[in-house]
């Protein structure tokens, strides 16, 4: 599976009932109750799902919401929090974090640098595209950030990894959206069905 250079993409794991995170998200349980179970395919079946993992890590630049970067709200109290991923985050490139509160960039091991954007989704996308060059930009999440870019018609392609579980509550991906998508590829494994869609604009 390959994706064309220059596209804006999103890759999300979703439950059968449409949630990308379970209820009662917290610092100890950032994906909410049951949310970790949706991602078993990444860790228990790495060989079967390698092509999808490669797609998740292939973009040249990323955009994420502040809620995905961390649990802190309001003004940054200090520079201690540097994301959920430890000293060597998996992105290995520039990551533009949407926030209302300015903060200096944070360079990490492995080539990841977090940049904090206070000027909205369009400016974040322009900066990410400039950083990516001819490469792809991924809207990494969370659900609210992906919804904003879908509503604005800024995402070209989305891969949904559908886990065969029901969460019953939590954060839905498509609430309030009417998006037309065309399926272009399907990969089925025991713990997830991965469907690649082109988004119609």
C-alpha atoms as a PDB file:
ATOM      1  CA  UNK A   1       0.000   0.000   0.000  1.00  0.00           C
ATOM      2  CA  UNK A   2       1.326   3.429  -0.908  1.00  0.00           C
ATOM      3  CA  UNK A   3      -0.036   6.925  -0.544  1.00  0.00           C
ATOM      4  CA  UNK A   4       0.761   9.761  -2.919  1.00  0.00           C
ATOM      5  CA  UNK A   5       3.194  12.432  -1.782  1.00  0.00           C
ATOM      6  CA  UNK A   6       1.710  15.790  -0.842  1.00  0.00           C
ATOM      7  CA  UNK A   7      -1.512  14.393   0.579  1.00  0.00           C
ATOM      8  CA  UNK A   8      -2.994  15.363   3.917  1.00  0.00           C
ATOM      9  CA  UNK A   9      -3.964  12.156   5.669  1.00  0.00           C
ATOM     10  CA  UNK A  10      -5.340  10.869   8.963  1.00  0.00           C
ATOM     11  CA  UNK A  11      -4.987   7.420  10.538  1.00  0.00           C
ATOM     12  CA  UNK A  12      -7.301   6.533  13.410  1.00  0.00           C
ATOM     13  CA  UNK A  13      -8.378   3.420  15.275  1.00  0.00           C
ATOM     14  CA  UNK A  14     -12.119   3.370  15.864  1.00  0.00           C
ATOM     15  CA  UNK A  15     -14.589   1.040  17.584  1.00  0.00           C
ATOM     16  CA  UNK A  16     -17.521  -0.587  15.811  1.00  0.00           C
ATOM     17  CA  UNK A  17     -19.835   1.978  17.418  1.00  0.00           C
ATOM     18  CA  UNK A  18     -17.777   4.934  16.206  1.00  0.00           C
ATOM     19  CA  UNK A  19     -15.613   5.930  19.165  1.00  0.00           C
ATOM     20  CA  UNK A  20     -11.902   6.742  19.013  1.00  0.00           C
ATOM     21  CA  UNK A  21     -11.600   6.973  22.804  1.00  0.00           C
ATOM     22  CA  UNK A  22     -13.593   5.397  25.603  1.00  0.00           C
ATOM     23  CA  UNK A  23     -15.362   7.127  28.488  1.00  0.00           C
ATOM     24  CA  UNK A  24     -13.636   8.632  31.545  1.00  0.00           C
ATOM     25  CA  UNK A  25     -10.361   9.688  29.957  1.00  0.00           C
ATOM     26  CA  UNK A  26      -7.738  10.547  32.571  1.00  0.00           C
ATOM     27  CA  UNK A  27      -4.004  10.961  33.073  1.00  0.00           C
ATOM     28  CA  UNK A  28      -3.745   7.281  33.981  1.00  0.00           C
ATOM     29  CA  UNK A  29      -6.116   6.196  31.184  1.00  0.00           C
ATOM     30  CA  UNK A  30      -5.650   8.723  28.335  1.00  0.00           C
ATOM     31  CA  UNK A  31      -7.683   6.659  25.831  1.00  0.00           C
ATOM     32  CA  UNK A  32     -10.533   6.135  28.284  1.00  0.00           C
ATOM     33  CA  UNK A  33     -12.037   2.880  29.461  1.00  0.00           C
ATOM     34  CA  UNK A  34     -11.562   0.232  26.785  1.00  0.00           C
ATOM     35  CA  UNK A  35      -9.534   2.518  24.549  1.00  0.00           C
ATOM     36  CA  UNK A  36      -6.312   0.543  24.912  1.00  0.00           C
ATOM     37  CA  UNK A  37      -8.084  -2.621  23.730  1.00  0.00           C
ATOM     38  CA  UNK A  38      -8.838  -1.005  20.371  1.00  0.00           C
ATOM     39  CA  UNK A  39      -5.115  -0.777  19.653  1.00  0.00           C
ATOM     40  CA  UNK A  40      -4.229  -4.406  20.325  1.00  0.00           C
ATOM     41  CA  UNK A  41      -3.683  -4.881  16.579  1.00  0.00           C
ATOM     42  CA  UNK A  42      -0.598  -2.662  16.723  1.00  0.00           C
ATOM     43  CA  UNK A  43       1.128  -4.723  19.408  1.00  0.00           C
ATOM     44  CA  UNK A  44      -0.232  -8.258  19.146  1.00  0.00           C
ATOM     45  CA  UNK A  45      -0.256  -8.599  15.347  1.00  0.00           C
ATOM     46  CA  UNK A  46       2.599  -6.384  14.153  1.00  0.00           C
ATOM     47  CA  UNK A  47       3.477  -8.545  11.145  1.00  0.00           C
ATOM     48  CA  UNK A  48      -0.077  -8.780   9.819  1.00  0.00           C
ATOM     49  CA  UNK A  49      -0.573  -5.044  10.194  1.00  0.00           C
ATOM     50  CA  UNK A  50       2.892  -3.798   9.244  1.00  0.00           C
ATOM     51  CA  UNK A  51       1.741  -1.967   6.108  1.00  0.00           C
ATOM     52  CA  UNK A  52      -0.685   0.136   8.177  1.00  0.00           C
ATOM     53  CA  UNK A  53       1.933   0.853  10.854  1.00  0.00           C
ATOM     54  CA  UNK A  54       4.258   1.971   8.054  1.00  0.00           C
ATOM     55  CA  UNK A  55       1.577   4.401   6.831  1.00  0.00           C
ATOM     56  CA  UNK A  56       1.122   5.856  10.317  1.00  0.00           C
ATOM     57  CA  UNK A  57       4.839   6.586  10.585  1.00  0.00           C
ATOM     58  CA  UNK A  58       5.457   7.576   6.952  1.00  0.00           C
ATOM     59  CA  UNK A  59       4.370  11.275   6.877  1.00  0.00           C
ATOM     60  CA  UNK A  60       6.993  14.010   6.851  1.00  0.00           C
ATOM     61  CA  UNK A  61       5.110  16.302   9.287  1.00  0.00           C
ATOM     62  CA  UNK A  62       2.267  15.948  11.765  1.00  0.00           C
ATOM     63  CA  UNK A  63      -0.466  18.069  13.343  1.00  0.00           C
ATOM     64  CA  UNK A  64      -2.145  17.248  16.639  1.00  0.00           C
ATOM     65  CA  UNK A  65      -4.447  18.905  19.121  1.00  0.00           C
ATOM     66  CA  UNK A  66      -3.266  19.963  22.533  1.00  0.00           C
ATOM     67  CA  UNK A  67      -5.399  17.274  24.170  1.00  0.00           C
ATOM     68  CA  UNK A  68      -3.433  14.638  22.267  1.00  0.00           C
ATOM     69  CA  UNK A  69      -0.136  16.181  23.295  1.00  0.00           C
ATOM     70  CA  UNK A  70      -0.999  16.102  26.981  1.00  0.00           C
ATOM     71  CA  UNK A  71      -3.554  16.516  29.782  1.00  0.00           C
ATOM     72  CA  UNK A  72      -2.555  20.030  30.832  1.00  0.00           C
ATOM     73  CA  UNK A  73      -5.167  22.764  30.302  1.00  0.00           C
ATOM     74  CA  UNK A  74      -4.841  26.531  30.292  1.00  0.00           C
ATOM     75  CA  UNK A  75      -1.489  28.271  30.520  1.00  0.00           C
ATOM     76  CA  UNK A  76       1.582  26.047  30.512  1.00  0.00           C
ATOM     77  CA  UNK A  77       2.700  25.898  34.154  1.00  0.00           C
ATOM     78  CA  UNK A  78       6.285  25.002  33.189  1.00  0.00           C
ATOM     79  CA  UNK A  79       8.266  23.178  30.518  1.00  0.00           C
ATOM     80  CA  UNK A  80       8.210  19.809  32.277  1.00  0.00           C
ATOM     81  CA  UNK A  81       5.500  18.116  30.180  1.00  0.00           C
ATOM     82  CA  UNK A  82       6.871  16.970  26.812  1.00  0.00           C
ATOM     83  CA  UNK A  83       4.155  14.578  25.645  1.00  0.00           C
ATOM     84  CA  UNK A  84       3.064  11.028  26.396  1.00  0.00           C
ATOM     85  CA  UNK A  85       5.837   9.327  24.411  1.00  0.00           C
ATOM     86  CA  UNK A  86       9.011   9.689  26.478  1.00  0.00           C
ATOM     87  CA  UNK A  87      12.315  11.103  25.253  1.00  0.00           C
ATOM     88  CA  UNK A  88      12.096   9.554  21.770  1.00  0.00           C
ATOM     89  CA  UNK A  89       8.578  10.063  20.335  1.00  0.00           C
ATOM     90  CA  UNK A  90       7.632   7.932  17.309  1.00  0.00           C
ATOM     91  CA  UNK A  91       7.163  10.850  14.880  1.00  0.00           C
ATOM     92  CA  UNK A  92      10.807  11.560  13.942  1.00  0.00           C
ATOM     93  CA  UNK A  93       9.877  14.860  12.308  1.00  0.00           C
ATOM     94  CA  UNK A  94       8.133  18.173  13.018  1.00  0.00           C
ATOM     95  CA  UNK A  95       4.874  18.009  14.966  1.00  0.00           C
ATOM     96  CA  UNK A  96       2.638  21.096  15.097  1.00  0.00           C
ATOM     97  CA  UNK A  97       0.490  21.226  18.231  1.00  0.00           C
ATOM     98  CA  UNK A  98      -2.670  23.345  18.148  1.00  0.00           C
ATOM     99  CA  UNK A  99      -3.037  25.399  21.311  1.00  0.00           C
ATOM    100  CA  UNK A 100      -4.277  28.753  22.613  1.00  0.00           C
ATOM    101  CA  UNK A 101      -1.155  29.207  24.722  1.00  0.00           C
ATOM    102  CA  UNK A 102       2.275  29.921  23.235  1.00  0.00           C
ATOM    103  CA  UNK A 103       5.285  27.796  24.094  1.00  0.00           C
ATOM    104  CA  UNK A 104       8.799  27.478  22.720  1.00  0.00           C
ATOM    105  CA  UNK A 105       9.507  24.494  20.424  1.00  0.00           C
ATOM    106  CA  UNK A 106      10.631  21.279  22.123  1.00  0.00           C
ATOM    107  CA  UNK A 107      13.314  19.276  20.296  1.00  0.00           C
ATOM    108  CA  UNK A 108      13.318  15.596  21.241  1.00  0.00           C
ATOM    109  CA  UNK A 109      15.472  12.596  20.497  1.00  0.00           C
ATOM    110  CA  UNK A 110      15.065  10.870  17.133  1.00  0.00           C
ATOM    111  CA  UNK A 111      14.316  14.026  15.164  1.00  0.00           C
ATOM    112  CA  UNK A 112      10.912  14.920  16.630  1.00  0.00           C
ATOM    113  CA  UNK A 113      10.352  18.602  17.414  1.00  0.00           C
ATOM    114  CA  UNK A 114       7.061  19.835  18.862  1.00  0.00           C
ATOM    115  CA  UNK A 115       6.031  23.289  17.610  1.00  0.00           C
ATOM    116  CA  UNK A 116       3.118  25.081  19.263  1.00  0.00           C
ATOM    117  CA  UNK A 117       0.708  26.936  16.978  1.00  0.00           C
ATOM    118  CA  UNK A 118      -1.693  29.526  18.382  1.00  0.00           C
ATOM    119  CA  UNK A 119      -2.970  30.866  15.053  1.00  0.00           C
ATOM    120  CA  UNK A 120      -5.454  28.167  14.022  1.00  0.00           C
ATOM    121  CA  UNK A 121      -5.767  25.080  11.873  1.00  0.00           C
ATOM    122  CA  UNK A 122      -4.994  26.720   8.525  1.00  0.00           C
ATOM    123  CA  UNK A 123      -1.743  28.235   9.725  1.00  0.00           C
ATOM    124  CA  UNK A 124      -0.736  24.931  11.335  1.00  0.00           C
ATOM    125  CA  UNK A 125      -1.408  23.149   8.037  1.00  0.00           C
ATOM    126  CA  UNK A 126       0.547  25.735   6.046  1.00  0.00           C
ATOM    127  CA  UNK A 127       3.517  25.345   8.378  1.00  0.00           C
ATOM    128  CA  UNK A 128       3.294  21.555   8.284  1.00  0.00           C
ATOM    129  CA  UNK A 129       3.151  21.519   4.475  1.00  0.00           C
ATOM    130  CA  UNK A 130       6.148  23.825   4.281  1.00  0.00           C
ATOM    131  CA  UNK A 131       8.068  21.534   6.620  1.00  0.00           C
ATOM    132  CA  UNK A 132       6.991  18.392   4.746  1.00  0.00           C
ATOM    133  CA  UNK A 133       7.980  19.676   1.309  1.00  0.00           C
ATOM    134  CA  UNK A 134       6.748  17.060  -1.158  1.00  0.00           C
ATOM    135  CA  UNK A 135       6.000  14.631   1.685  1.00  0.00           C
ATOM    136  CA  UNK A 136       2.731  13.935   3.394  1.00  0.00           C
ATOM    137  CA  UNK A 137       1.173  15.692   6.365  1.00  0.00           C
ATOM    138  CA  UNK A 138      -0.738  13.600   8.904  1.00  0.00           C
ATOM    139  CA  UNK A 139      -3.507  14.971  11.099  1.00  0.00           C
ATOM    140  CA  UNK A 140      -2.581  12.752  14.011  1.00  0.00           C
ATOM    141  CA  UNK A 141      -5.515  13.484  16.326  1.00  0.00           C
ATOM    142  CA  UNK A 142      -7.326  13.598  18.548  1.00  0.00           C
ATOM    143  CA  UNK A 143     -10.874  13.296  17.305  1.00  0.00           C
ATOM    144  CA  UNK A 144     -11.734  16.988  17.700  1.00  0.00           C
ATOM    145  CA  UNK A 145      -8.725  18.052  15.632  1.00  0.00           C
ATOM    146  CA  UNK A 146      -9.495  15.539  12.876  1.00  0.00           C
ATOM    147  CA  UNK A 147     -13.141  16.700  12.838  1.00  0.00           C
ATOM    148  CA  UNK A 148     -12.044  20.313  12.369  1.00  0.00           C
ATOM    149  CA  UNK A 149      -9.861  19.434   9.401  1.00  0.00           C
ATOM    150  CA  UNK A 150     -12.523  17.180   7.872  1.00  0.00           C
ATOM    151  CA  UNK A 151     -15.161  19.902   8.265  1.00  0.00           C
ATOM    152  CA  UNK A 152     -12.816  22.389   6.585  1.00  0.00           C
ATOM    153  CA  UNK A 153     -12.189  20.004   3.671  1.00  0.00           C
ATOM    154  CA  UNK A 154      -8.472  19.793   4.388  1.00  0.00           C
ATOM    155  CA  UNK A 155      -8.019  15.994   4.601  1.00  0.00           C
ATOM    156  CA  UNK A 156      -7.479  14.057   1.375  1.00  0.00           C
ATOM    157  CA  UNK A 157      -7.335  10.500   2.653  1.00  0.00           C
ATOM    158  CA  UNK A 158      -8.191   8.722   5.890  1.00  0.00           C
ATOM    159  CA  UNK A 159      -7.364   5.221   7.110  1.00  0.00           C
ATOM    160  CA  UNK A 160      -9.773   3.867   9.701  1.00  0.00           C
ATOM    161  CA  UNK A 161      -8.588   0.849  11.657  1.00  0.00           C
ATOM    162  CA  UNK A 162     -11.870  -0.613  12.881  1.00  0.00           C
ATOM    163  CA  UNK A 163     -11.458  -2.741  15.994  1.00  0.00           C
ATOM    164  CA  UNK A 164     -14.141  -5.417  16.579  1.00  0.00           C
ATOM    165  CA  UNK A 165     -15.198  -4.042  19.952  1.00  0.00           C
ATOM    166  CA  UNK A 166     -18.001  -1.789  21.231  1.00  0.00           C
ATOM    167  CA  UNK A 167     -17.117   0.982  23.688  1.00  0.00           C
ATOM    168  CA  UNK A 168     -20.668   2.221  24.292  1.00  0.00           C
ATOM    169  CA  UNK A 169     -19.558   5.758  25.144  1.00  0.00           C
ATOM    170  CA  UNK A 170     -16.622   8.098  24.775  1.00  0.00           C
ATOM    171  CA  UNK A 171     -15.477  10.436  22.003  1.00  0.00           C
ATOM    172  CA  UNK A 172     -16.955   9.881  18.542  1.00  0.00           C
ATOM    173  CA  UNK A 173     -15.068  10.757  15.400  1.00  0.00           C
ATOM    174  CA  UNK A 174     -17.859  11.807  13.034  1.00  0.00           C
ATOM    175  CA  UNK A 175     -20.296  13.628  15.351  1.00  0.00           C
ATOM    176  CA  UNK A 176     -21.742  16.670  13.585  1.00  0.00           C
ATOM    177  CA  UNK A 177     -20.071  15.890  10.260  1.00  0.00           C
ATOM    178  CA  UNK A 178     -21.350  15.009   6.814  1.00  0.00           C
ATOM    179  CA  UNK A 179     -18.359  13.657   4.937  1.00  0.00           C
ATOM    180  CA  UNK A 180     -18.424  11.755   1.660  1.00  0.00           C
ATOM    181  CA  UNK A 181     -15.693   9.134   1.391  1.00  0.00           C
ATOM    182  CA  UNK A 182     -14.823   6.521  -1.218  1.00  0.00           C
ATOM    183  CA  UNK A 183     -13.188   3.283  -0.027  1.00  0.00           C
ATOM    184  CA  UNK A 184     -10.073   2.487  -2.066  1.00  0.00           C
ATOM    185  CA  UNK A 185      -8.422  -0.353  -0.145  1.00  0.00           C
ATOM    186  CA  UNK A 186      -9.253  -2.843   2.614  1.00  0.00           C
ATOM    187  CA  UNK A 187      -6.929  -4.936   4.761  1.00  0.00           C
ATOM    188  CA  UNK A 188      -8.567  -7.400   7.130  1.00  0.00           C
ATOM    189  CA  UNK A 189      -6.849  -8.981  10.127  1.00  0.00           C
ATOM    190  CA  UNK A 190      -8.150 -10.669  13.258  1.00  0.00           C
ATOM    191  CA  UNK A 191      -7.974  -7.606  15.496  1.00  0.00           C
ATOM    192  CA  UNK A 192      -8.802  -4.826  13.020  1.00  0.00           C
ATOM    193  CA  UNK A 193     -10.153  -4.092   9.575  1.00  0.00           C
ATOM    194  CA  UNK A 194      -8.225  -1.253   7.948  1.00  0.00           C
ATOM    195  CA  UNK A 195     -10.165   0.719   5.341  1.00  0.00           C
ATOM    196  CA  UNK A 196      -8.496   3.441   3.289  1.00  0.00           C
ATOM    197  CA  UNK A 197     -10.878   6.145   2.066  1.00  0.00           C
ATOM    198  CA  UNK A 198     -10.415   9.039  -0.308  1.00  0.00           C
ATOM    199  CA  UNK A 199     -12.303  12.035   1.052  1.00  0.00           C
ATOM    200  CA  UNK A 200     -14.477  13.830  -1.494  1.00  0.00           C
ATOM    201  CA  UNK A 201     -14.271  17.628  -1.503  1.00  0.00           C
END
